[in-house]
Protein backbone atom coordinates (compact mmCIF):
# COMPACT_ATOMS: atom_id res chain seq x y z
CA MET A 1 -18.27 -15.92 -1.01
CA LYS A 2 -14.64 -16.08 0.05
CA GLU A 3 -13.46 -13.65 2.43
CA ILE A 4 -11.20 -12.26 2.84
CA ILE A 5 -8.55 -12.71 6.97
CA ILE A 6 -5.13 -10.97 7.29
CA ILE A 7 -3.96 -12.79 10.33
CA GLU A 8 0.61 -11.38 11.20
CA THR A 9 2.12 -13.65 12.85
CA THR A 10 5.75 -15.41 13.10
CA HIS A 11 4.27 -18.36 14.58
CA ALA A 12 1.95 -19.68 11.80
CA GLN A 13 1.98 -22.95 13.38
CA PRO A 14 -0.91 -23.01 15.67
CA VAL A 15 -3.14 -21.08 13.19
CA LYS A 16 -2.48 -23.43 10.60
CA GLU A 17 -3.44 -26.81 13.20
CA LEU A 18 -6.36 -24.75 14.30
CA LEU A 19 -7.79 -24.18 11.05
CA GLU A 20 -6.83 -27.76 9.37
CA GLN A 21 -8.66 -28.87 12.57
CA ALA A 22 -12.41 -27.45 11.60
CA LYS A 23 -10.58 -27.90 8.19
CA VAL A 24 -11.20 -25.14 6.62
CA GLY A 25 -9.64 -23.69 3.30
CA TYR A 26 -6.73 -21.23 3.68
CA LYS A 27 -3.63 -19.80 1.80
CA ILE A 28 -1.14 -18.41 3.22
CA TYR A 29 0.90 -15.86 1.16
CA GLN A 30 4.25 -14.41 2.73
CA GLU A 31 4.69 -10.98 3.24
CA PRO A 32 6.78 -8.49 0.62
CA LYS A 33 10.30 -6.80 2.08
CA GLU A 34 8.20 -3.15 0.86
CA GLY A 35 4.97 -4.57 3.78
CA ILE A 36 1.68 -5.86 1.91
CA PHE A 37 -0.45 -2.82 3.53
CA THR A 38 2.00 -0.36 1.73
CA ASN A 39 0.79 -1.86 -1.13
CA TYR A 40 -2.67 -1.90 -0.98
CA GLY A 41 -2.57 1.88 0.62
CA MET A 42 -1.46 2.47 -2.82
CA ALA A 43 -3.63 0.46 -3.81
CA LEU A 44 -6.38 2.82 -2.97
CA GLN A 45 -4.78 5.95 -3.94
CA ASP A 46 -5.13 4.63 -7.28
CA LYS A 47 -8.00 3.69 -7.00
CA GLU A 48 -9.45 7.17 -6.12
CA ARG A 49 -7.34 8.69 -8.96
CA GLU A 50 -8.77 6.19 -11.44
CA GLN A 51 -12.77 8.14 -9.90
CA GLU A 52 -11.52 11.65 -9.89
CA ALA A 53 -10.28 11.20 -13.26
CA GLN A 54 -14.19 9.79 -13.96
CA GLU A 55 -15.78 12.39 -12.42
CA LEU A 56 -13.39 15.33 -14.38
CA GLU A 57 -14.04 13.60 -17.84
CA ASN A 58 -17.94 14.19 -17.02
CA SER A 59 -17.87 16.91 -15.81
CA GLU A 60 -15.88 17.84 -19.12
CA GLU A 61 -18.60 15.83 -20.91
CA GLU A 62 -21.67 17.84 -19.05
CA ASP A 63 -19.84 20.69 -19.46
CA ILE A 64 -20.12 20.01 -24.41
CA ILE A 65 -23.05 18.75 -23.39
CA ASN A 66 -24.86 22.41 -22.03
CA GLU A 67 -22.00 24.46 -24.77
CA ASP A 68 -24.64 23.35 -27.60
C-alpha cells in the first residue's frame, strides 16, 4: 500500500539523503505557483458538489417512483 507524505521544506537534500540511506523510494513534486493545497482544496469542493448532485438526483428519482 502506497502512502503520500507531504514535507514542505526549502532544504530537501537532508531529507533525500535520509530516504536514500533507508532505501525508501520517493518522488519529488515541485509546488506550482498557485500551491498544491489550493488545488487539493478545489478538488475536495468538487467532490462535495459531485456528492450533492448525486444525492439530489437520487431524491428526484425517489420522488418519481413515489408518485407512481
